[in-house]
Amino acid sequence: RVDLYTLNLFTCISPGQIVARLHPPQAGKDSITVTGRVIEAQP
């Protein structure tokens, strides 16, 4: 049975609980020109 009066719209947080995680930006993949000059990737 499901209680339609209890929606659980959000999580009740406790001290020390992980709320979110920040993932850092990644480095790009460099390339080279046909003459051998390095083309740096945008991070």
Full PDB file with SEQRES, HELIX, SHEET, SSBOND, CRYST1, ORIGX, SCALE, CONECT and MASTER records, all heavy atoms in Angstrom:
SEQRES   1 A   43  ARG VAL ASP LEU TYR THR LEU ASN LEU PHE THR CYS ILE          
SEQRES   2 A   43  SER PRO GLY GLN ILE VAL ALA ARG LEU HIS PRO PRO GLN          
SEQRES   3 A   43  ALA GLY LYS ASP SER ILE THR VAL THR GLY ARG VAL ILE          
SEQRES   4 A   43  GLU ALA GLN PRO                                              
SHEET    1 AA1 2 SER A  31  ILE A  32  0                                        
SHEET    2 AA1 2 VAL A  38  ILE A  39 -1                                        
CRYST1    1.000    1.000    1.000  90.00  90.00  90.00 P 1           1          
ORIGX1      1.000000  0.000000  0.000000        0.00000                         
ORIGX2      0.000000  1.000000  0.000000        0.00000                         
ORIGX3      0.000000  0.000000  1.000000        0.00000                         
SCALE1      1.000000  0.000000  0.000000        0.00000                         
SCALE2      0.000000  1.000000  0.000000        0.00000                         
SCALE3      0.000000  0.000000  1.000000        0.00000                         
ATOM      1  N   ARG A   1       0.832  -1.194   0.000  1.00  0.00           N  
ATOM      2  CA  ARG A   1       0.000   0.000   0.000  1.00  0.00           C  
ATOM      3  C   ARG A   1       0.872   1.253   0.000  1.00  0.00           C  
ATOM      4  O   ARG A   1       1.944   1.261   0.591  1.00  0.00           O  
ATOM      5  CB  ARG A   1      -0.934   0.009   1.214  1.00  0.00           C  
ATOM      6  CG  ARG A   1      -1.956  -1.135   1.211  1.00  0.00           C  
ATOM      7  CD  ARG A   1      -2.762  -1.159   2.486  1.00  0.00           C  
ATOM      8  NE  ARG A   1      -1.904  -1.337   3.654  1.00  0.00           N  
ATOM      9  CZ  ARG A   1      -2.374  -1.500   4.895  1.00  0.00           C  
ATOM     10  NH1 ARG A   1      -3.664  -1.485   5.118  1.00  0.00           N  
ATOM     11  NH2 ARG A   1      -1.536  -1.671   5.907  1.00  0.00           N  
ATOM     12  N   VAL A   2       0.378   2.291  -0.648  1.00  0.00           N  
ATOM     13  CA  VAL A   2       1.111   3.551  -0.748  1.00  0.00           C  
ATOM     14  C   VAL A   2       0.330   4.642  -0.028  1.00  0.00           C  
ATOM     15  O   VAL A   2      -0.874   4.797  -0.226  1.00  0.00           O  
ATOM     16  CB  VAL A   2       1.330   3.946  -2.228  1.00  0.00           C  
ATOM     17  CG1 VAL A   2       1.968   5.329  -2.326  1.00  0.00           C  
ATOM     18  CG2 VAL A   2       2.197   2.918  -2.923  1.00  0.00           C  
ATOM     19  N   ASP A   3       1.032   5.393   0.826  1.00  0.00           N  
ATOM     20  CA  ASP A   3       0.419   6.517   1.528  1.00  0.00           C  
ATOM     21  C   ASP A   3       0.551   7.762   0.656  1.00  0.00           C  
ATOM     22  O   ASP A   3       1.634   8.340   0.546  1.00  0.00           O  
ATOM     23  CB  ASP A   3       1.114   6.731   2.872  1.00  0.00           C  
ATOM     24  CG  ASP A   3       0.498   7.881   3.664  1.00  0.00           C  
ATOM     25  OD1 ASP A   3      -0.538   8.426   3.225  1.00  0.00           O  
ATOM     26  OD2 ASP A   3       1.065   8.236   4.719  1.00  0.00           O  
ATOM     27  N   LEU A   4      -0.555   8.191   0.030  1.00  0.00           N  
ATOM     28  CA  LEU A   4      -0.519   9.347  -0.864  1.00  0.00           C  
ATOM     29  C   LEU A   4      -0.403  10.661  -0.104  1.00  0.00           C  
ATOM     30  O   LEU A   4      -0.218  11.710  -0.722  1.00  0.00           O  
ATOM     31  CB  LEU A   4      -1.775   9.359  -1.740  1.00  0.00           C  
ATOM     32  CG  LEU A   4      -1.940   8.156  -2.679  1.00  0.00           C  
ATOM     33  CD1 LEU A   4      -3.221   8.280  -3.476  1.00  0.00           C  
ATOM     34  CD2 LEU A   4      -0.745   8.028  -3.611  1.00  0.00           C  
ATOM     35  N   TYR A   5      -0.518  10.622   1.212  1.00  0.00           N  
ATOM     36  CA  TYR A   5      -0.357  11.829   2.010  1.00  0.00           C  
ATOM     37  C   TYR A   5       1.115  12.101   2.344  1.00  0.00           C  
ATOM     38  O   TYR A   5       1.443  13.166   2.827  1.00  0.00           O  
ATOM     39  CB  TYR A   5      -1.157  11.722   3.317  1.00  0.00           C  
ATOM     40  CG  TYR A   5      -2.642  11.925   3.145  1.00  0.00           C  
ATOM     41  CD1 TYR A   5      -3.449  10.924   2.648  1.00  0.00           C  
ATOM     42  CD2 TYR A   5      -3.237  13.135   3.484  1.00  0.00           C  
ATOM     43  CE1 TYR A   5      -4.815  11.100   2.485  1.00  0.00           C  
ATOM     44  CE2 TYR A   5      -4.596  13.333   3.332  1.00  0.00           C  
ATOM     45  CZ  TYR A   5      -5.381  12.316   2.830  1.00  0.00           C  
ATOM     46  OH  TYR A   5      -6.742  12.510   2.676  1.00  0.00           O  
ATOM     47  N   THR A   6       1.971  11.118   2.093  1.00  0.00           N  
ATOM     48  CA  THR A   6       3.395  11.284   2.375  1.00  0.00           C  
ATOM     49  C   THR A   6       4.145  11.280   1.052  1.00  0.00           C  
ATOM     50  O   THR A   6       4.287  10.242   0.414  1.00  0.00           O  
ATOM     51  CB  THR A   6       3.907  10.150   3.288  1.00  0.00           C  
ATOM     52  OG1 THR A   6       3.143  10.154   4.502  1.00  0.00           O  
ATOM     53  CG2 THR A   6       5.381  10.352   3.615  1.00  0.00           C  
ATOM     54  N   LEU A   7       4.626  12.452   0.635  1.00  0.00           N  
ATOM     55  CA  LEU A   7       5.219  12.612  -0.687  1.00  0.00           C  
ATOM     56  C   LEU A   7       6.737  12.476  -0.694  1.00  0.00           C  
ATOM     57  O   LEU A   7       7.322  12.211  -1.739  1.00  0.00           O  
ATOM     58  CB  LEU A   7       4.837  13.988  -1.261  1.00  0.00           C  
ATOM     59  CG  LEU A   7       3.338  14.304  -1.325  1.00  0.00           C  
ATOM     60  CD1 LEU A   7       3.125  15.659  -1.974  1.00  0.00           C  
ATOM     61  CD2 LEU A   7       2.585  13.225  -2.073  1.00  0.00           C  
ATOM     62  N   ASN A   8       7.390  12.710   0.447  1.00  0.00           N  
ATOM     63  CA  ASN A   8       8.860  12.647   0.504  1.00  0.00           C  
ATOM     64  C   ASN A   8       9.489  13.517  -0.582  1.00  0.00           C  
ATOM     65  O   ASN A   8      10.303  13.074  -1.386  1.00  0.00           O  
ATOM     66  CB  ASN A   8       9.354  11.202   0.365  1.00  0.00           C  
ATOM     67  CG  ASN A   8       8.917  10.323   1.511  1.00  0.00           C  
ATOM     68  OD1 ASN A   8       9.123  10.657   2.668  1.00  0.00           O  
ATOM     69  ND2 ASN A   8       8.284   9.206   1.203  1.00  0.00           N  
ATOM     70  N   LEU A   9       9.102  14.781  -0.609  1.00  0.00           N  
ATOM     71  CA  LEU A   9       9.573  15.679  -1.657  1.00  0.00           C  
ATOM     72  C   LEU A   9      11.060  15.981  -1.553  1.00  0.00           C  
ATOM     73  O   LEU A   9      11.696  16.295  -2.555  1.00  0.00           O  
ATOM     74  CB  LEU A   9       8.783  16.988  -1.604  1.00  0.00           C  
ATOM     75  CG  LEU A   9       7.296  16.904  -1.970  1.00  0.00           C  
ATOM     76  CD1 LEU A   9       6.626  18.253  -1.775  1.00  0.00           C  
ATOM     77  CD2 LEU A   9       7.123  16.421  -3.394  1.00  0.00           C  
ATOM     78  N   PHE A  10      11.608  15.911  -0.367  1.00  0.00           N  
ATOM     79  CA  PHE A  10      13.031  16.225  -0.193  1.00  0.00           C  
ATOM     80  C   PHE A  10      13.619  15.321   0.874  1.00  0.00           C  
ATOM     81  O   PHE A  10      12.904  14.675   1.653  1.00  0.00           O  
ATOM     82  CB  PHE A  10      13.234  17.701   0.181  1.00  0.00           C  
ATOM     83  CG  PHE A  10      12.536  18.102   1.453  1.00  0.00           C  
ATOM     84  CD1 PHE A  10      13.141  17.943   2.687  1.00  0.00           C  
ATOM     85  CD2 PHE A  10      11.266  18.646   1.419  1.00  0.00           C  
ATOM     86  CE1 PHE A  10      12.500  18.303   3.855  1.00  0.00           C  
ATOM     87  CE2 PHE A  10      10.613  19.021   2.576  1.00  0.00           C  
ATOM     88  CZ  PHE A  10      11.230  18.850   3.796  1.00  0.00           C  
ATOM     89  N   THR A  11      14.942  15.283   0.888  1.00  0.00           N  
ATOM     90  CA  THR A  11      15.663  14.476   1.858  1.00  0.00           C  
ATOM     91  C   THR A  11      15.937  15.298   3.117  1.00  0.00           C  
ATOM     92  O   THR A  11      16.402  16.434   3.032  1.00  0.00           O  
ATOM     93  CB  THR A  11      17.007  13.994   1.275  1.00  0.00           C  
ATOM     94  OG1 THR A  11      16.754  13.262   0.076  1.00  0.00           O  
ATOM     95  CG2 THR A  11      17.741  13.101   2.262  1.00  0.00           C  
ATOM     96  N   CYS A  12      15.637  14.722   4.270  1.00  0.00           N  
ATOM     97  CA  CYS A  12      15.994  15.367   5.531  1.00  0.00           C  
ATOM     98  C   CYS A  12      17.477  15.104   5.797  1.00  0.00           C  
ATOM     99  O   CYS A  12      17.906  13.949   5.885  1.00  0.00           O  
ATOM    100  CB  CYS A  12      15.139  14.829   6.663  1.00  0.00           C  
ATOM    101  SG  CYS A  12      13.397  15.323   6.566  1.00  0.00           S  
ATOM    102  N   ILE A  13      18.237  16.176   5.910  1.00  0.00           N  
ATOM    103  CA  ILE A  13      19.690  16.091   5.992  1.00  0.00           C  
ATOM    104  C   ILE A  13      20.146  15.957   7.445  1.00  0.00           C  
ATOM    105  O   ILE A  13      19.599  16.616   8.341  1.00  0.00           O  
ATOM    106  CB  ILE A  13      20.333  17.334   5.351  1.00  0.00           C  
ATOM    107  CG1 ILE A  13      19.798  17.560   3.943  1.00  0.00           C  
ATOM    108  CG2 ILE A  13      21.842  17.201   5.324  1.00  0.00           C  
ATOM    109  CD1 ILE A  13      20.086  16.448   2.981  1.00  0.00           C  
ATOM    110  N   SER A  14      21.153  15.124   7.662  1.00  0.00           N  
ATOM    111  CA  SER A  14      21.777  14.976   8.975  1.00  0.00           C  
ATOM    112  C   SER A  14      23.185  15.567   8.939  1.00  0.00           C  
ATOM    113  O   SER A  14      23.808  15.635   7.871  1.00  0.00           O  
ATOM    114  CB  SER A  14      21.859  13.495   9.370  1.00  0.00           C  
ATOM    115  OG  SER A  14      20.572  12.900   9.389  1.00  0.00           O  
ATOM    116  N   PRO A  15      23.708  16.000  10.078  1.00  0.00           N  
ATOM    117  CA  PRO A  15      25.085  16.510  10.098  1.00  0.00           C  
ATOM    118  C   PRO A  15      26.081  15.455   9.614  1.00  0.00           C  
ATOM    119  O   PRO A  15      25.984  14.281   9.966  1.00  0.00           O  
ATOM    120  CB  PRO A  15      25.314  16.850  11.580  1.00  0.00           C  
ATOM    121  CG  PRO A  15      23.947  17.081  12.128  1.00  0.00           C  
ATOM    122  CD  PRO A  15      23.042  16.141  11.388  1.00  0.00           C  
ATOM    123  N   GLY A  16      27.028  15.874   8.765  1.00  0.00           N  
ATOM    124  CA  GLY A  16      28.023  14.972   8.220  1.00  0.00           C  
ATOM    125  C   GLY A  16      27.596  14.261   6.948  1.00  0.00           C  
ATOM    126  O   GLY A  16      28.389  13.526   6.363  1.00  0.00           O  
ATOM    127  N   GLN A  17      26.361  14.480   6.493  1.00  0.00           N  
ATOM    128  CA  GLN A  17      25.868  13.814   5.288  1.00  0.00           C  
ATOM    129  C   GLN A  17      26.378  14.521   4.032  1.00  0.00           C  
ATOM    130  O   GLN A  17      26.501  15.742   3.992  1.00  0.00           O  
ATOM    131  CB  GLN A  17      24.333  13.805   5.291  1.00  0.00           C  
ATOM    132  CG  GLN A  17      23.718  13.051   4.133  1.00  0.00           C  
ATOM    133  CD  GLN A  17      22.216  12.902   4.285  1.00  0.00           C  
ATOM    134  OE1 GLN A  17      21.662  13.132   5.358  1.00  0.00           O  
ATOM    135  NE2 GLN A  17      21.538  12.510   3.216  1.00  0.00           N  
ATOM    136  N   ILE A  18      26.669  13.732   2.992  1.00  0.00           N  
ATOM    137  CA  ILE A  18      27.103  14.289   1.711  1.00  0.00           C  
ATOM    138  C   ILE A  18      25.877  14.845   0.988  1.00  0.00           C  
ATOM    139  O   ILE A  18      24.944  14.108   0.677  1.00  0.00           O  
ATOM    140  CB  ILE A  18      27.799  13.232   0.845  1.00  0.00           C  
ATOM    141  CG1 ILE A  18      29.040  12.687   1.558  1.00  0.00           C  
ATOM    142  CG2 ILE A  18      28.201  13.823  -0.500  1.00  0.00           C  
ATOM    143  CD1 ILE A  18      29.720  11.550   0.803  1.00  0.00           C  
ATOM    144  N   VAL A  19      25.883  16.130   0.709  1.00  0.00           N  
ATOM    145  CA  VAL A  19      24.768  16.791   0.036  1.00  0.00           C  
ATOM    146  C   VAL A  19      24.983  16.800  -1.472  1.00  0.00           C  
ATOM    147  O   VAL A  19      24.053  16.595  -2.253  1.00  0.00           O  
ATOM    148  CB  VAL A  19      24.596  18.224   0.574  1.00  0.00           C  
ATOM    149  CG1 VAL A  19      23.484  18.952  -0.165  1.00  0.00           C  
ATOM    150  CG2 VAL A  19      24.311  18.193   2.077  1.00  0.00           C  
ATOM    151  N   ALA A  20      26.203  17.071  -1.897  1.00  0.00           N  
ATOM    152  CA  ALA A  20      26.506  17.162  -3.328  1.00  0.00           C  
ATOM    153  C   ALA A  20      27.985  16.897  -3.532  1.00  0.00           C  
ATOM    154  O   ALA A  20      28.783  16.882  -2.584  1.00  0.00           O  
ATOM    155  CB  ALA A  20      26.131  18.531  -3.877  1.00  0.00           C  
ATOM    156  N   ARG A  21      28.337  16.687  -4.783  1.00  0.00           N  
ATOM    157  CA  ARG A  21      29.738  16.460  -5.138  1.00  0.00           C  
ATOM    158  C   ARG A  21      30.083  17.340  -6.339  1.00  0.00           C  
ATOM    159  O   ARG A  21      29.330  17.394  -7.315  1.00  0.00           O  
ATOM    160  CB  ARG A  21      29.983  14.982  -5.464  1.00  0.00           C  
ATOM    161  CG  ARG A  21      31.428  14.658  -5.791  1.00  0.00           C  
ATOM    162  CD  ARG A  21      31.644  13.168  -6.000  1.00  0.00           C  
ATOM    163  NE  ARG A  21      31.605  12.437  -4.736  1.00  0.00           N  
ATOM    164  CZ  ARG A  21      30.646  11.579  -4.400  1.00  0.00           C  
ATOM    165  NH1 ARG A  21      29.652  11.349  -5.229  1.00  0.00           N  
ATOM    166  NH2 ARG A  21      30.683  10.952  -3.248  1.00  0.00           N  
ATOM    167  N   LEU A  22      31.216  18.031  -6.255  1.00  0.00           N  
ATOM    168  CA  LEU A  22      31.675  18.895  -7.342  1.00  0.00           C  
ATOM    169  C   LEU A  22      32.724  18.147  -8.159  1.00  0.00           C  
ATOM    170  O   LEU A  22      33.770  17.756  -7.635  1.00  0.00           O  
ATOM    171  CB  LEU A  22      32.266  20.191  -6.785  1.00  0.00           C  
ATOM    172  CG  LEU A  22      31.323  21.090  -5.984  1.00  0.00           C  
ATOM    173  CD1 LEU A  22      32.053  22.348  -5.544  1.00  0.00           C  
ATOM    174  CD2 LEU A  22      30.101  21.451  -6.800  1.00  0.00           C  
ATOM    175  N   HIS A  23      32.435  17.945  -9.423  1.00  0.00           N  
ATOM    176  CA  HIS A  23      33.375  17.276 -10.302  1.00  0.00           C  
ATOM    177  C   HIS A  23      34.217  18.350 -11.019  1.00  0.00           C  
ATOM    178  O   HIS A  23      33.657  19.248 -11.662  1.00  0.00           O  
ATOM    179  CB  HIS A  23      32.630  16.421 -11.323  1.00  0.00           C  
ATOM    180  CG  HIS A  23      31.906  15.268 -10.698  1.00  0.00           C  
ATOM    181  ND1 HIS A  23      32.482  14.033 -10.519  1.00  0.00           N  
ATOM    182  CD2 HIS A  23      30.648  15.175 -10.187  1.00  0.00           C  
ATOM    183  CE1 HIS A  23      31.620  13.216  -9.949  1.00  0.00           C  
ATOM    184  NE2 HIS A  23      30.496  13.883  -9.736  1.00  0.00           N  
ATOM    185  N   PRO A  24      35.536  18.266 -10.917  1.00  0.00           N  
ATOM    186  CA  PRO A  24      36.390  19.306 -11.515  1.00  0.00           C  
ATOM    187  C   PRO A  24      36.382  19.220 -13.036  1.00  0.00           C  
ATOM    188  O   PRO A  24      36.077  18.168 -13.610  1.00  0.00           O  
ATOM    189  CB  PRO A  24      37.776  18.985 -10.945  1.00  0.00           C  
ATOM    190  CG  PRO A  24      37.738  17.519 -10.670  1.00  0.00           C  
ATOM    191  CD  PRO A  24      36.324  17.219 -10.242  1.00  0.00           C  
ATOM    192  N   PRO A  25      36.741  20.311 -13.711  1.00  0.00           N  
ATOM    193  CA  PRO A  25      36.840  20.272 -15.175  1.00  0.00           C  
ATOM    194  C   PRO A  25      38.001  19.380 -15.615  1.00  0.00           C  
ATOM    195  O   PRO A  25      38.988  19.210 -14.889  1.00  0.00           O  
ATOM    196  CB  PRO A  25      37.085  21.734 -15.554  1.00  0.00           C  
ATOM    197  CG  PRO A  25      37.688  22.347 -14.330  1.00  0.00           C  
ATOM    198  CD  PRO A  25      37.056  21.642 -13.160  1.00  0.00           C  
ATOM    199  N   GLN A  26      37.874  18.836 -16.816  1.00  0.00           N  
ATOM    200  CA  GLN A  26      38.892  17.927 -17.325  1.00  0.00           C  
ATOM    201  C   GLN A  26      39.802  18.645 -18.342  1.00  0.00           C  
ATOM    202  O   GLN A  26      39.373  19.578 -19.025  1.00  0.00           O  
ATOM    203  CB  GLN A  26      38.233  16.722 -17.996  1.00  0.00           C  
ATOM    204  CG  GLN A  26      37.296  15.949 -17.088  1.00  0.00           C  
ATOM    205  CD  GLN A  26      38.001  15.356 -15.883  1.00  0.00           C  
ATOM    206  OE1 GLN A  26      39.063  14.737 -16.023  1.00  0.00           O  
ATOM    207  NE2 GLN A  26      37.437  15.558 -14.705  1.00  0.00           N  
ATOM    208  N   ALA A  27      41.036  18.191 -18.383  1.00  0.00           N  
ATOM    209  CA  ALA A  27      41.959  18.735 -19.377  1.00  0.00           C  
ATOM    210  C   ALA A  27      41.582  18.194 -20.761  1.00  0.00           C  
ATOM    211  O   ALA A  27      41.084  17.079 -20.895  1.00  0.00           O  
ATOM    212  CB  ALA A  27      43.393  18.341 -19.036  1.00  0.00           C  
ATOM    213  N   GLY A  28      41.800  19.012 -21.765  1.00  0.00           N  
ATOM    214  CA  GLY A  28      41.488  18.593 -23.130  1.00  0.00           C  
ATOM    215  C   GLY A  28      42.586  17.738 -23.730  1.00  0.00           C  
ATOM    216  O   GLY A  28      43.613  17.434 -23.106  1.00  0.00           O  
ATOM    217  N   LYS A  29      42.390  17.336 -24.968  1.00  0.00           N  
ATOM    218  CA  LYS A  29      43.346  16.512 -25.696  1.00  0.00           C  
ATOM    219  C   LYS A  29      44.033  17.371 -26.755  1.00  0.00           C  
ATOM    220  O   LYS A  29      43.394  17.858 -27.685  1.00  0.00           O  
ATOM    221  CB  LYS A  29      42.631  15.335 -26.345  1.00  0.00           C  
ATOM    222  CG  LYS A  29      43.562  14.392 -27.089  1.00  0.00           C  
ATOM    223  CD  LYS A  29      42.784  13.243 -27.707  1.00  0.00           C  
ATOM    224  CE  LYS A  29      43.699  12.303 -28.473  1.00  0.00           C  
ATOM    225  NZ  LYS A  29      42.936  11.198 -29.105  1.00  0.00           N  
ATOM    226  N   ASP A  30      45.346  17.598 -26.561  1.00  0.00           N  
ATOM    227  CA  ASP A  30      46.102  18.410 -27.510  1.00  0.00           C  
ATOM    228  C   ASP A  30      46.214  17.713 -28.863  1.00  0.00           C  
ATOM    229  O   ASP A  30      46.033  16.497 -28.989  1.00  0.00           O  
ATOM    230  CB  ASP A  30      47.494  18.708 -26.961  1.00  0.00           C  
ATOM    231  CG  ASP A  30      47.453  19.582 -25.720  1.00  0.00           C  
ATOM    232  OD1 ASP A  30      46.420  20.261 -25.518  1.00  0.00           O  
ATOM    233  OD2 ASP A  30      48.436  19.573 -24.959  1.00  0.00           O  
ATOM    234  N   SER A  31      46.559  18.500 -29.843  1.00  0.00           N  
ATOM    235  CA  SER A  31      46.803  17.970 -31.179  1.00  0.00           C  
ATOM    236  C   SER A  31      48.030  18.671 -31.756  1.00  0.00           C  
ATOM    237  O   SER A  31      48.658  19.511 -31.088  1.00  0.00           O  
ATOM    238  CB  SER A  31      45.571  18.175 -32.067  1.00  0.00           C  
ATOM    239  OG  SER A  31      45.802  17.641 -33.360  1.00  0.00           O  
ATOM    240  N   ILE A  32      48.385  18.337 -32.991  1.00  0.00           N  
ATOM    241  CA  ILE A  32      49.514  18.985 -33.669  1.00  0.00           C  
ATOM    242  C   ILE A  32      49.102  19.301 -35.106  1.00  0.00           C  
ATOM    243  O   ILE A  32      48.199  18.676 -35.678  1.00  0.00           O  
ATOM    244  CB  ILE A  32      50.775  18.096 -33.674  1.00  0.00           C  
ATOM    245  CG1 ILE A  32      50.484  16.760 -34.392  1.00  0.00           C  
ATOM    246  CG2 ILE A  32      51.286  17.857 -32.258  1.00  0.00           C  
ATOM    247  CD1 ILE A  32      51.699  15.895 -34.581  1.00  0.00           C  
ATOM    248  N   THR A  33      49.761  20.294 -35.647  1.00  0.00           N  
ATOM    249  CA  THR A  33      49.549  20.597 -37.053  1.00  0.00           C  
ATOM    250  C   THR A  33      50.345  19.612 -37.907  1.00  0.00           C  
ATOM    251  O   THR A  33      51.141  18.807 -37.386  1.00  0.00           O  
ATOM    252  CB  THR A  33      50.010  22.033 -37.363  1.00  0.00           C  
ATOM    253  OG1 THR A  33      51.427  22.117 -37.192  1.00  0.00           O  
ATOM    254  CG2 THR A  33      49.325  23.039 -36.452  1.00  0.00           C  
ATOM    255  N   VAL A  34      50.165  19.675 -39.209  1.00  0.00           N  
ATOM    256  CA  VAL A  34      50.900  18.768 -40.104  1.00  0.00           C  
ATOM    257  C   VAL A  34      52.387  19.079 -40.127  1.00  0.00           C  
ATOM    258  O   VAL A  34      53.200  18.261 -40.566  1.00  0.00           O  
ATOM    259  CB  VAL A  34      50.325  18.844 -41.528  1.00  0.00           C  
ATOM    260  CG1 VAL A  34      48.910  18.284 -41.564  1.00  0.00           C  
ATOM    261  CG2 VAL A  34      50.376  20.267 -42.060  1.00  0.00           C  
ATOM    262  N   THR A  35      52.731  20.255 -39.604  1.00  0.00           N  
ATOM    263  CA  THR A  35      54.162  20.600 -39.541  1.00  0.00           C  
ATOM    264  C   THR A  35      54.746  20.322 -38.164  1.00  0.00           C  
ATOM    265  O   THR A  35      55.902  20.657 -37.900  1.00  0.00           O  
ATOM    266  CB  THR A  35      54.360  22.086 -39.890  1.00  0.00           C  
ATOM    267  OG1 THR A  35      53.617  22.900 -38.967  1.00  0.00           O  
ATOM    268  CG2 THR A  35      53.883  22.369 -41.309  1.00  0.00           C  
ATOM    269  N   GLY A  36      53.931  19.767 -37.252  1.00  0.00           N  
ATOM    270  CA  GLY A  36      54.454  19.396 -35.952  1.00  0.00           C  
ATOM    271  C   GLY A  36      54.241  20.415 -34.857  1.00  0.00           C  
ATOM    272  O   GLY A  36      54.697  20.208 -33.730  1.00  0.00           O  
ATOM    273  N   ARG A  37      53.563  21.532 -35.142  1.00  0.00           N  
ATOM    274  CA  ARG A  37      53.309  22.538 -34.091  1.00  0.00           C  
ATOM    275  C   ARG A  37      52.163  22.070 -33.201  1.00  0.00           C  
ATOM    276  O   ARG A  37      51.137  21.586 -33.681  1.00  0.00           O  
ATOM    277  CB  ARG A  37      52.982  23.883 -34.731  1.00  0.00           C  
ATOM    278  CG  ARG A  37      52.739  25.006 -33.705  1.00  0.00           C  
ATOM    279  CD  ARG A  37      52.592  26.350 -34.408  1.00  0.00           C  
ATOM    280  NE  ARG A  37      51.469  26.329 -35.347  1.00  0.00           N  
ATOM    281  CZ  ARG A  37      50.196  26.567 -34.994  1.00  0.00           C  
ATOM    282  NH1 ARG A  37      49.898  26.810 -33.711  1.00  0.00           N  
ATOM    283  NH2 ARG A  37      49.249  26.560 -35.910  1.00  0.00           N  
ATOM    284  N   VAL A  38      52.352  22.198 -31.883  1.00  0.00           N  
ATOM    285  CA  VAL A  38      51.351  21.732 -30.914  1.00  0.00           C  
ATOM    286  C   VAL A  38      50.144  22.663 -30.903  1.00  0.00           C  
ATOM    287  O   VAL A  38      50.287  23.892 -30.826  1.00  0.00           O  
ATOM    288  CB  VAL A  38      51.960  21.638 -29.499  1.00  0.00           C  
ATOM    289  CG1 VAL A  38      50.894  21.261 -28.477  1.00  0.00           C  
ATOM    290  CG2 VAL A  38      53.103  20.629 -29.485  1.00  0.00           C  
ATOM    291  N   ILE A  39      48.973  22.080 -30.980  1.00  0.00           N  
ATOM    292  CA  ILE A  39      47.717  22.829 -30.825  1.00  0.00           C  
ATOM    293  C   ILE A  39      47.161  22.496 -29.443  1.00  0.00           C  
ATOM    294  O   ILE A  39      46.725  21.380 -29.191  1.00  0.00           O  
ATOM    295  CB  ILE A  39      46.693  22.458 -31.910  1.00  0.00           C  
ATOM    296  CG1 ILE A  39      47.266  22.680 -33.310  1.00  0.00           C  
ATOM    297  CG2 ILE A  39      45.412  23.261 -31.724  1.00  0.00           C  
ATOM    298  CD1 ILE A  39      46.352  22.198 -34.409  1.00  0.00           C  
ATOM    299  N   GLU A  40      47.249  23.458 -28.531  1.00  0.00           N  
ATOM    300  CA  GLU A  40      46.795  23.208 -27.162  1.00  0.00           C  
ATOM    301  C   GLU A  40      45.274  23.177 -27.086  1.00  0.00           C  
ATOM    302  O   GLU A  40      44.579  24.000 -27.687  1.00  0.00           O  
ATOM    303  CB  GLU A  40      47.343  24.276 -26.219  1.00  0.00           C  
ATOM    304  CG  GLU A  40      48.860  24.254 -26.081  1.00  0.00           C  
ATOM    305  CD  GLU A  40      49.348  25.258 -25.068  1.00  0.00           C  
ATOM    306  OE1 GLU A  40      48.502  26.017 -24.534  1.00  0.00           O  
ATOM    307  OE2 GLU A  40      50.556  25.291 -24.795  1.00  0.00           O  
ATOM    308  N   ALA A  41      44.759  22.218 -26.333  1.00  0.00           N  
ATOM    309  CA  ALA A  41      43.306  22.084 -26.153  1.00  0.00           C  
ATOM    310  C   ALA A  41      42.812  23.050 -25.087  1.00  0.00           C  
ATOM    311  O   ALA A  41      43.530  23.370 -24.132  1.00  0.00           O  
ATOM    312  CB  ALA A  41      42.954  20.654 -25.769  1.00  0.00           C  
ATOM    313  N   GLN A  42      41.587  23.500 -25.241  1.00  0.00           N  
ATOM    314  CA  GLN A  42      40.965  24.383 -24.254  1.00  0.00           C  
ATOM    315  C   GLN A  42      40.489  23.549 -23.073  1.00  0.00           C  
ATOM    316  O   GLN A  42      39.731  22.594 -23.246  1.00  0.00           O  
ATOM    317  CB  GLN A  42      39.785  25.122 -24.892  1.00  0.00           C  
ATOM    318  CG  GLN A  42      39.142  26.176 -24.017  1.00  0.00           C  
ATOM    319  CD  GLN A  42      40.021  27.408 -23.850  1.00  0.00           C  
ATOM    320  OE1 GLN A  42      40.902  27.673 -24.664  1.00  0.00           O  
ATOM    321  NE2 GLN A  42      39.780  28.146 -22.777  1.00  0.00           N  
ATOM    322  N   PRO A  43      40.904  23.875 -21.833  1.00  0.00           N  
ATOM    323  CA  PRO A  43      40.436  23.097 -20.678  1.00  0.00           C  
ATOM    324  C   PRO A  43      38.967  23.384 -20.388  1.00  0.00           C  
ATOM    325  O   PRO A  43      38.406  24.395 -20.815  1.00  0.00           O  
ATOM    326  CB  PRO A  43      41.332  23.592 -19.539  1.00  0.00           C  
ATOM    327  CG  PRO A  43      41.733  24.974 -19.953  1.00  0.00           C  
ATOM    328  CD  PRO A  43      41.837  24.946 -21.454  1.00  0.00           C  
TER     329      PRO A  43                                                      
MASTER        0    0    0    0    2    0    0    6  328    1    0    4          
END                                                                             
